[in-house]
Every structure is written in C-alpha cells, then in structure tokens.
Amino acid sequence: SFKKLLEARISALEIVAKGMLEGKNILRDRYV
C-alpha cells in the first residue's frame, strides 16, 4: 500500500507542476 500510495502521489505531481507554472496556488486535499 505504501508503494502504491507513493505512485499515486508522484502521478499527481504533473498536475501540481503545471499549476505552479501557470502561477496558481496549489491546495492539496491529501490523503496519501
């Protein structure tokens, strides 16, 4: 489960990085 959760978090980083480049604030509803 830890490894899978880590995969989930890493896969979401692309969305985070895109938002940061667009100058948006990032709010993570994080369960990981």
Full PDB file with SEQRES, HELIX, SHEET, SSBOND, CRYST1, ORIGX, SCALE, CONECT and MASTER records, all heavy atoms in Angstrom:
SEQRES   1 A   32  SER PHE LYS LYS LEU LEU GLU ALA ARG ILE SER ALA LEU          
SEQRES   2 A   32  GLU ILE VAL ALA LYS GLY MET LEU GLU GLY LYS ASN ILE          
SEQRES   3 A   32  LEU ARG ASP ARG TYR VAL                                      
HELIX    1 AA1 PHE A    2  LEU A   21  1                                  20    
CRYST1    1.000    1.000    1.000  90.00  90.00  90.00 P 1           1          
ORIGX1      1.000000  0.000000  0.000000        0.00000                         
ORIGX2      0.000000  1.000000  0.000000        0.00000                         
ORIGX3      0.000000  0.000000  1.000000        0.00000                         
SCALE1      1.000000  0.000000  0.000000        0.00000                         
SCALE2      0.000000  1.000000  0.000000        0.00000                         
SCALE3      0.000000  0.000000  1.000000        0.00000                         
ATOM      1  N   SER A   1       0.823  -1.201   0.000  1.00  0.00           N  
ATOM      2  CA  SER A   1       0.000   0.000   0.000  1.00  0.00           C  
ATOM      3  C   SER A   1       0.857   1.251   0.000  1.00  0.00           C  
ATOM      4  O   SER A   1       0.538   2.233  -0.680  1.00  0.00           O  
ATOM      5  CB  SER A   1      -0.952   0.006   1.205  1.00  0.00           C  
ATOM      6  OG  SER A   1      -0.239   0.039   2.421  1.00  0.00           O  
ATOM      7  N   PHE A   2       1.967   1.214   0.742  1.00  0.00           N  
ATOM      8  CA  PHE A   2       2.869   2.374   0.755  1.00  0.00           C  
ATOM      9  C   PHE A   2       3.408   2.648  -0.650  1.00  0.00           C  
ATOM     10  O   PHE A   2       3.401   3.788  -1.122  1.00  0.00           O  
ATOM     11  CB  PHE A   2       4.027   2.135   1.718  1.00  0.00           C  
ATOM     12  CG  PHE A   2       5.113   3.181   1.601  1.00  0.00           C  
ATOM     13  CD1 PHE A   2       4.943   4.437   2.149  1.00  0.00           C  
ATOM     14  CD2 PHE A   2       6.282   2.903   0.920  1.00  0.00           C  
ATOM     15  CE1 PHE A   2       5.930   5.397   2.026  1.00  0.00           C  
ATOM     16  CE2 PHE A   2       7.270   3.863   0.783  1.00  0.00           C  
ATOM     17  CZ  PHE A   2       7.095   5.116   1.344  1.00  0.00           C  
ATOM     18  N   LYS A   3       3.857   1.609  -1.314  1.00  0.00           N  
ATOM     19  CA  LYS A   3       4.404   1.783  -2.666  1.00  0.00           C  
ATOM     20  C   LYS A   3       3.351   2.300  -3.638  1.00  0.00           C  
ATOM     21  O   LYS A   3       3.628   3.158  -4.480  1.00  0.00           O  
ATOM     22  CB  LYS A   3       4.984   0.450  -3.158  1.00  0.00           C  
ATOM     23  CG  LYS A   3       6.259   0.032  -2.427  1.00  0.00           C  
ATOM     24  CD  LYS A   3       6.793  -1.289  -2.969  1.00  0.00           C  
ATOM     25  CE  LYS A   3       8.101  -1.665  -2.298  1.00  0.00           C  
ATOM     26  NZ  LYS A   3       8.631  -2.962  -2.785  1.00  0.00           N  
ATOM     27  N   LYS A   4       2.133   1.797  -3.504  1.00  0.00           N  
ATOM     28  CA  LYS A   4       1.064   2.238  -4.391  1.00  0.00           C  
ATOM     29  C   LYS A   4       0.676   3.690  -4.107  1.00  0.00           C  
ATOM     30  O   LYS A   4       0.426   4.479  -5.018  1.00  0.00           O  
ATOM     31  CB  LYS A   4      -0.151   1.317  -4.252  1.00  0.00           C  
ATOM     32  CG  LYS A   4       0.059  -0.069  -4.861  1.00  0.00           C  
ATOM     33  CD  LYS A   4      -1.161  -0.940  -4.716  1.00  0.00           C  
ATOM     34  CE  LYS A   4      -0.939  -2.300  -5.360  1.00  0.00           C  
ATOM     35  NZ  LYS A   4      -0.762  -2.196  -6.818  1.00  0.00           N  
ATOM     36  N   LEU A   5       0.632   4.052  -2.831  1.00  0.00           N  
ATOM     37  CA  LEU A   5       0.312   5.428  -2.468  1.00  0.00           C  
ATOM     38  C   LEU A   5       1.382   6.390  -2.971  1.00  0.00           C  
ATOM     39  O   LEU A   5       1.089   7.516  -3.387  1.00  0.00           O  
ATOM     40  CB  LEU A   5       0.167   5.545  -0.950  1.00  0.00           C  
ATOM     41  CG  LEU A   5      -1.097   4.901  -0.371  1.00  0.00           C  
ATOM     42  CD1 LEU A   5      -0.980   4.754   1.142  1.00  0.00           C  
ATOM     43  CD2 LEU A   5      -2.326   5.726  -0.721  1.00  0.00           C  
ATOM     44  N   LEU A   6       2.624   5.922  -2.936  1.00  0.00           N  
ATOM     45  CA  LEU A   6       3.724   6.739  -3.450  1.00  0.00           C  
ATOM     46  C   LEU A   6       3.561   6.949  -4.955  1.00  0.00           C  
ATOM     47  O   LEU A   6       3.777   8.055  -5.467  1.00  0.00           O  
ATOM     48  CB  LEU A   6       5.061   6.057  -3.146  1.00  0.00           C  
ATOM     49  CG  LEU A   6       6.306   6.943  -3.089  1.00  0.00           C  
ATOM     50  CD1 LEU A   6       6.136   8.057  -2.064  1.00  0.00           C  
ATOM     51  CD2 LEU A   6       7.533   6.104  -2.748  1.00  0.00           C  
ATOM     52  N   GLU A   7       3.150   5.906  -5.656  1.00  0.00           N  
ATOM     53  CA  GLU A   7       2.898   6.015  -7.099  1.00  0.00           C  
ATOM     54  C   GLU A   7       1.797   7.035  -7.369  1.00  0.00           C  
ATOM     55  O   GLU A   7       1.895   7.844  -8.300  1.00  0.00           O  
ATOM     56  CB  GLU A   7       2.475   4.652  -7.659  1.00  0.00           C  
ATOM     57  CG  GLU A   7       3.575   3.606  -7.716  1.00  0.00           C  
ATOM     58  CD  GLU A   7       3.044   2.266  -8.169  1.00  0.00           C  
ATOM     59  OE1 GLU A   7       1.874   2.208  -8.611  1.00  0.00           O  
ATOM     60  OE2 GLU A   7       3.776   1.263  -8.083  1.00  0.00           O  
ATOM     61  N   ALA A   8       0.748   6.994  -6.549  1.00  0.00           N  
ATOM     62  CA  ALA A   8      -0.371   7.920  -6.724  1.00  0.00           C  
ATOM     63  C   ALA A   8       0.088   9.350  -6.530  1.00  0.00           C  
ATOM     64  O   ALA A   8      -0.286  10.256  -7.293  1.00  0.00           O  
ATOM     65  CB  ALA A   8      -1.492   7.587  -5.740  1.00  0.00           C  
ATOM     66  N   ARG A   9       0.906   9.557  -5.528  1.00  0.00           N  
ATOM     67  CA  ARG A   9       1.365  10.921  -5.247  1.00  0.00           C  
ATOM     68  C   ARG A   9       2.253  11.444  -6.364  1.00  0.00           C  
ATOM     69  O   ARG A   9       2.131  12.575  -6.800  1.00  0.00           O  
ATOM     70  CB  ARG A   9       2.124  10.949  -3.928  1.00  0.00           C  
ATOM     71  CG  ARG A   9       2.594  12.346  -3.591  1.00  0.00           C  
ATOM     72  CD  ARG A   9       2.511  12.626  -2.116  1.00  0.00           C  
ATOM     73  NE  ARG A   9       2.551  14.056  -1.906  1.00  0.00           N  
ATOM     74  CZ  ARG A   9       3.395  14.661  -1.098  1.00  0.00           C  
ATOM     75  NH1 ARG A   9       4.249  13.964  -0.398  1.00  0.00           N  
ATOM     76  NH2 ARG A   9       3.374  15.962  -0.951  1.00  0.00           N  
ATOM     77  N   ILE A  10       3.164  10.596  -6.829  1.00  0.00           N  
ATOM     78  CA  ILE A  10       4.067  11.010  -7.904  1.00  0.00           C  
ATOM     79  C   ILE A  10       3.283  11.309  -9.182  1.00  0.00           C  
ATOM     80  O   ILE A  10       3.576  12.270  -9.899  1.00  0.00           O  
ATOM     81  CB  ILE A  10       5.137   9.925  -8.147  1.00  0.00           C  
ATOM     82  CG1 ILE A  10       6.095   9.869  -6.942  1.00  0.00           C  
ATOM     83  CG2 ILE A  10       5.916  10.205  -9.428  1.00  0.00           C  
ATOM     84  CD1 ILE A  10       7.083   8.720  -6.990  1.00  0.00           C  
ATOM     85  N   SER A  11       2.252  10.498  -9.462  1.00  0.00           N  
ATOM     86  CA  SER A  11       1.461  10.713 -10.677  1.00  0.00           C  
ATOM     87  C   SER A  11       0.712  12.045 -10.632  1.00  0.00           C  
ATOM     88  O   SER A  11       0.425  12.640 -11.672  1.00  0.00           O  
ATOM     89  CB  SER A  11       0.469   9.566 -10.882  1.00  0.00           C  
ATOM     90  OG  SER A  11      -0.577   9.604  -9.937  1.00  0.00           O  
ATOM     91  N   ALA A  12       0.398  12.530  -9.425  1.00  0.00           N  
ATOM     92  CA  ALA A  12      -0.325  13.796  -9.293  1.00  0.00           C  
ATOM     93  C   ALA A  12       0.601  15.006  -9.393  1.00  0.00           C  
ATOM     94  O   ALA A  12       0.131  16.135  -9.565  1.00  0.00           O  
ATOM     95  CB  ALA A  12      -1.070  13.831  -7.954  1.00  0.00           C  
ATOM     96  N   LEU A  13       1.910  14.775  -9.308  1.00  0.00           N  
ATOM     97  CA  LEU A  13       2.854  15.887  -9.325  1.00  0.00           C  
ATOM     98  C   LEU A  13       2.859  16.636 -10.657  1.00  0.00           C  
ATOM     99  O   LEU A  13       3.177  17.824 -10.701  1.00  0.00           O  
ATOM    100  CB  LEU A  13       4.264  15.397  -8.993  1.00  0.00           C  
ATOM    101  CG  LEU A  13       4.479  14.900  -7.556  1.00  0.00           C  
ATOM    102  CD1 LEU A  13       5.936  14.523  -7.336  1.00  0.00           C  
ATOM    103  CD2 LEU A  13       4.045  15.952  -6.545  1.00  0.00           C  
ATOM    104  N   GLU A  14       2.514  15.950 -11.747  1.00  0.00           N  
ATOM    105  CA  GLU A  14       2.459  16.619 -13.049  1.00  0.00           C  
ATOM    106  C   GLU A  14       1.397  17.717 -13.032  1.00  0.00           C  
ATOM    107  O   GLU A  14       1.599  18.805 -13.587  1.00  0.00           O  
ATOM    108  CB  GLU A  14       2.158  15.603 -14.151  1.00  0.00           C  
ATOM    109  CG  GLU A  14       2.170  16.217 -15.543  1.00  0.00           C  
ATOM    110  CD  GLU A  14       1.968  15.182 -16.639  1.00  0.00           C  
ATOM    111  OE1 GLU A  14       2.075  13.978 -16.355  1.00  0.00           O  
ATOM    112  OE2 GLU A  14       1.694  15.602 -17.779  1.00  0.00           O  
ATOM    113  N   ILE A  15       0.256  17.424 -12.390  1.00  0.00           N  
ATOM    114  CA  ILE A  15      -0.816  18.411 -12.277  1.00  0.00           C  
ATOM    115  C   ILE A  15      -0.364  19.577 -11.409  1.00  0.00           C  
ATOM    116  O   ILE A  15      -0.615  20.747 -11.715  1.00  0.00           O  
ATOM    117  CB  ILE A  15      -2.080  17.758 -11.682  1.00  0.00           C  
ATOM    118  CG1 ILE A  15      -2.587  16.658 -12.610  1.00  0.00           C  
ATOM    119  CG2 ILE A  15      -3.168  18.806 -11.442  1.00  0.00           C  
ATOM    120  CD1 ILE A  15      -3.721  15.850 -12.031  1.00  0.00           C  
ATOM    121  N   VAL A  16       0.327  19.257 -10.323  1.00  0.00           N  
ATOM    122  CA  VAL A  16       0.834  20.289  -9.420  1.00  0.00           C  
ATOM    123  C   VAL A  16       1.834  21.186 -10.144  1.00  0.00           C  
ATOM    124  O   VAL A  16       1.758  22.420 -10.074  1.00  0.00           O  
ATOM    125  CB  VAL A  16       1.503  19.653  -8.181  1.00  0.00           C  
ATOM    126  CG1 VAL A  16       2.193  20.723  -7.334  1.00  0.00           C  
ATOM    127  CG2 VAL A  16       0.471  18.904  -7.351  1.00  0.00           C  
ATOM    128  N   ALA A  17       2.776  20.561 -10.851  1.00  0.00           N  
ATOM    129  CA  ALA A  17       3.809  21.322 -11.557  1.00  0.00           C  
ATOM    130  C   ALA A  17       3.194  22.237 -12.611  1.00  0.00           C  
ATOM    131  O   ALA A  17       3.611  23.393 -12.771  1.00  0.00           O  
ATOM    132  CB  ALA A  17       4.808  20.359 -12.209  1.00  0.00           C  
ATOM    133  N   LYS A  18       2.188  21.743 -13.339  1.00  0.00           N  
ATOM    134  CA  LYS A  18       1.513  22.548 -14.361  1.00  0.00           C  
ATOM    135  C   LYS A  18       0.837  23.762 -13.719  1.00  0.00           C  
ATOM    136  O   LYS A  18       0.924  24.887 -14.220  1.00  0.00           O  
ATOM    137  CB  LYS A  18       0.487  21.702 -15.100  1.00  0.00           C  
ATOM    138  CG  LYS A  18      -0.233  22.423 -16.242  1.00  0.00           C  
ATOM    139  CD  LYS A  18      -1.150  21.460 -16.975  1.00  0.00           C  
ATOM    140  CE  LYS A  18      -1.821  22.132 -18.171  1.00  0.00           C  
ATOM    141  NZ  LYS A  18      -2.788  23.170 -17.738  1.00  0.00           N  
ATOM    142  N   GLY A  19       0.173  23.533 -12.585  1.00  0.00           N  
ATOM    143  CA  GLY A  19      -0.485  24.621 -11.889  1.00  0.00           C  
ATOM    144  C   GLY A  19       0.500  25.665 -11.393  1.00  0.00           C  
ATOM    145  O   GLY A  19       0.245  26.873 -11.481  1.00  0.00           O  
ATOM    146  N   MET A  20       1.646  25.212 -10.900  1.00  0.00           N  
ATOM    147  CA  MET A  20       2.670  26.132 -10.425  1.00  0.00           C  
ATOM    148  C   MET A  20       3.203  26.994 -11.564  1.00  0.00           C  
ATOM    149  O   MET A  20       3.410  28.203 -11.401  1.00  0.00           O  
ATOM    150  CB  MET A  20       3.803  25.343  -9.761  1.00  0.00           C  
ATOM    151  CG  MET A  20       3.398  24.665  -8.454  1.00  0.00           C  
ATOM    152  SD  MET A  20       4.658  23.510  -7.819  1.00  0.00           S  
ATOM    153  CE  MET A  20       5.997  24.636  -7.431  1.00  0.00           C  
ATOM    154  N   LEU A  21       3.411  26.383 -12.732  1.00  0.00           N  
ATOM    155  CA  LEU A  21       3.903  27.125 -13.892  1.00  0.00           C  
ATOM    156  C   LEU A  21       2.893  28.171 -14.353  1.00  0.00           C  
ATOM    157  O   LEU A  21       3.267  29.217 -14.908  1.00  0.00           O  
ATOM    158  CB  LEU A  21       4.220  26.164 -15.045  1.00  0.00           C  
ATOM    159  CG  LEU A  21       5.472  25.306 -14.875  1.00  0.00           C  
ATOM    160  CD1 LEU A  21       5.567  24.281 -15.992  1.00  0.00           C  
ATOM    161  CD2 LEU A  21       6.731  26.186 -14.856  1.00  0.00           C  
ATOM    162  N   GLU A  22       1.614  27.906 -14.116  1.00  0.00           N  
ATOM    163  CA  GLU A  22       0.559  28.842 -14.506  1.00  0.00           C  
ATOM    164  C   GLU A  22       0.318  29.908 -13.438  1.00  0.00           C  
ATOM    165  O   GLU A  22      -0.578  30.741 -13.569  1.00  0.00           O  
ATOM    166  CB  GLU A  22      -0.741  28.073 -14.780  1.00  0.00           C  
ATOM    167  CG  GLU A  22      -0.650  27.150 -15.989  1.00  0.00           C  
ATOM    168  CD  GLU A  22      -1.888  26.277 -16.145  1.00  0.00           C  
ATOM    169  OE1 GLU A  22      -2.714  26.241 -15.199  1.00  0.00           O  
ATOM    170  OE2 GLU A  22      -2.020  25.627 -17.200  1.00  0.00           O  
ATOM    171  N   GLY A  23       1.135  29.868 -12.371  1.00  0.00           N  
ATOM    172  CA  GLY A  23       1.022  30.870 -11.315  1.00  0.00           C  
ATOM    173  C   GLY A  23      -0.149  30.660 -10.377  1.00  0.00           C  
ATOM    174  O   GLY A  23      -0.605  31.611  -9.718  1.00  0.00           O  
ATOM    175  N   LYS A  24      -0.645  29.435 -10.298  1.00  0.00           N  
ATOM    176  CA  LYS A  24      -1.793  29.152  -9.435  1.00  0.00           C  
ATOM    177  C   LYS A  24      -1.340  28.651  -8.054  1.00  0.00           C  
ATOM    178  O   LYS A  24      -0.297  28.024  -7.924  1.00  0.00           O  
ATOM    179  CB  LYS A  24      -2.692  28.094 -10.086  1.00  0.00           C  
ATOM    180  CG  LYS A  24      -3.342  28.567 -11.369  1.00  0.00           C  
ATOM    181  CD  LYS A  24      -4.195  27.477 -11.978  1.00  0.00           C  
ATOM    182  CE  LYS A  24      -4.851  27.967 -13.269  1.00  0.00           C  
ATOM    183  NZ  LYS A  24      -5.654  26.904 -13.912  1.00  0.00           N  
ATOM    184  N   ASN A  25      -2.141  28.962  -7.049  1.00  0.00           N  
ATOM    185  CA  ASN A  25      -1.925  28.402  -5.728  1.00  0.00           C  
ATOM    186  C   ASN A  25      -2.385  26.947  -5.748  1.00  0.00           C  
ATOM    187  O   ASN A  25      -3.400  26.624  -6.377  1.00  0.00           O  
ATOM    188  CB  ASN A  25      -2.701  29.182  -4.667  1.00  0.00           C  
ATOM    189  CG  ASN A  25      -2.142  30.572  -4.441  1.00  0.00           C  
ATOM    190  OD1 ASN A  25      -0.923  30.741  -4.358  1.00  0.00           O  
ATOM    191  ND2 ASN A  25      -3.021  31.557  -4.335  1.00  0.00           N  
ATOM    192  N   ILE A  26      -1.646  26.110  -5.057  1.00  0.00           N  
ATOM    193  CA  ILE A  26      -1.963  24.677  -5.030  1.00  0.00           C  
ATOM    194  C   ILE A  26      -2.526  24.303  -3.672  1.00  0.00           C  
ATOM    195  O   ILE A  26      -1.921  24.572  -2.636  1.00  0.00           O  
ATOM    196  CB  ILE A  26      -0.710  23.821  -5.308  1.00  0.00           C  
ATOM    197  CG1 ILE A  26       0.008  24.292  -6.583  1.00  0.00           C  
ATOM    198  CG2 ILE A  26      -1.094  22.347  -5.405  1.00  0.00           C  
ATOM    199  CD1 ILE A  26      -0.823  24.215  -7.840  1.00  0.00           C  
ATOM    200  N   LEU A  27      -3.701  23.700  -3.697  1.00  0.00           N  
ATOM    201  CA  LEU A  27      -4.356  23.247  -2.467  1.00  0.00           C  
ATOM    202  C   LEU A  27      -4.575  21.749  -2.592  1.00  0.00           C  
ATOM    203  O   LEU A  27      -5.391  21.297  -3.392  1.00  0.00           O  
ATOM    204  CB  LEU A  27      -5.686  23.972  -2.281  1.00  0.00           C  
ATOM    205  CG  LEU A  27      -6.525  23.636  -1.044  1.00  0.00           C  
ATOM    206  CD1 LEU A  27      -5.713  23.838   0.231  1.00  0.00           C  
ATOM    207  CD2 LEU A  27      -7.786  24.483  -1.021  1.00  0.00           C  
ATOM    208  N   ARG A  28      -3.822  20.986  -1.834  1.00  0.00           N  
ATOM    209  CA  ARG A  28      -3.924  19.523  -1.921  1.00  0.00           C  
ATOM    210  C   ARG A  28      -4.843  18.980  -0.842  1.00  0.00           C  
ATOM    211  O   ARG A  28      -4.614  19.174   0.341  1.00  0.00           O  
ATOM    212  CB  ARG A  28      -2.546  18.876  -1.763  1.00  0.00           C  
ATOM    213  CG  ARG A  28      -1.492  19.422  -2.694  1.00  0.00           C  
ATOM    214  CD  ARG A  28      -0.201  18.660  -2.491  1.00  0.00           C  
ATOM    215  NE  ARG A  28       0.943  19.449  -2.914  1.00  0.00           N  
ATOM    216  CZ  ARG A  28       1.989  18.962  -3.547  1.00  0.00           C  
ATOM    217  NH1 ARG A  28       2.042  17.690  -3.848  1.00  0.00           N  
ATOM    218  NH2 ARG A  28       2.997  19.744  -3.891  1.00  0.00           N  
ATOM    219  N   ASP A  29      -5.879  18.328  -1.292  1.00  0.00           N  
ATOM    220  CA  ASP A  29      -6.727  17.575  -0.377  1.00  0.00           C  
ATOM    221  C   ASP A  29      -6.049  16.215  -0.279  1.00  0.00           C  
ATOM    222  O   ASP A  29      -6.322  15.316  -1.057  1.00  0.00           O  
ATOM    223  CB  ASP A  29      -8.134  17.467  -0.967  1.00  0.00           C  
ATOM    224  CG  ASP A  29      -9.061  16.618  -0.112  1.00  0.00           C  
ATOM    225  OD1 ASP A  29      -8.600  16.057   0.895  1.00  0.00           O  
ATOM    226  OD2 ASP A  29     -10.239  16.505  -0.464  1.00  0.00           O  
ATOM    227  N   ARG A  30      -5.138  16.115   0.673  1.00  0.00           N  
ATOM    228  CA  ARG A  30      -4.228  14.973   0.636  1.00  0.00           C  
ATOM    229  C   ARG A  30      -4.608  13.879   1.619  1.00  0.00           C  
ATOM    230  O   ARG A  30      -4.740  14.102   2.808  1.00  0.00           O  
ATOM    231  CB  ARG A  30      -2.794  15.447   0.921  1.00  0.00           C  
ATOM    232  CG  ARG A  30      -1.762  14.357   0.699  1.00  0.00           C  
ATOM    233  CD  ARG A  30      -0.362  14.914   0.687  1.00  0.00           C  
ATOM    234  NE  ARG A  30       0.103  15.281   2.005  1.00  0.00           N  
ATOM    235  CZ  ARG A  30       1.204  15.988   2.242  1.00  0.00           C  
ATOM    236  NH1 ARG A  30       1.920  16.423   1.232  1.00  0.00           N  
ATOM    237  NH2 ARG A  30       1.583  16.273   3.443  1.00  0.00           N  
ATOM    238  N   TYR A  31      -4.705  12.701   1.082  1.00  0.00           N  
ATOM    239  CA  TYR A  31      -4.981  11.527   1.903  1.00  0.00           C  
ATOM    240  C   TYR A  31      -3.759  10.611   1.935  1.00  0.00           C  
ATOM    241  O   TYR A  31      -3.701   9.682   2.720  1.00  0.00           O  
ATOM    242  CB  TYR A  31      -6.173  10.780   1.309  1.00  0.00           C  
ATOM    243  CG  TYR A  31      -6.703   9.656   2.153  1.00  0.00           C  
ATOM    244  CD1 TYR A  31      -7.230   9.911   3.414  1.00  0.00           C  
ATOM    245  CD2 TYR A  31      -6.692   8.355   1.693  1.00  0.00           C  
ATOM    246  CE1 TYR A  31      -7.736   8.881   4.189  1.00  0.00           C  
ATOM    247  CE2 TYR A  31      -7.196   7.324   2.447  1.00  0.00           C  
ATOM    248  CZ  TYR A  31      -7.723   7.587   3.695  1.00  0.00           C  
ATOM    249  OH  TYR A  31      -8.222   6.574   4.450  1.00  0.00           O  
ATOM    250  N   VAL A  32      -2.780  10.904   1.079  1.00  0.00           N  
ATOM    251  CA  VAL A  32      -1.662   9.983   0.901  1.00  0.00           C  
ATOM    252  C   VAL A  32      -0.783   9.866   2.147  1.00  0.00           C  
ATOM    253  O   VAL A  32      -0.559   8.782   2.666  1.00  0.00           O  
ATOM    254  CB  VAL A  32      -0.812  10.383  -0.323  1.00  0.00           C  
ATOM    255  CG1 VAL A  32       0.458   9.561  -0.386  1.00  0.00           C  
ATOM    256  CG2 VAL A  32      -1.616  10.173  -1.595  1.00  0.00           C  
TER     257      VAL A  32                                                      
MASTER        0    0    0    1    0    0    0    6  256    1    0    3          
END                                                                             
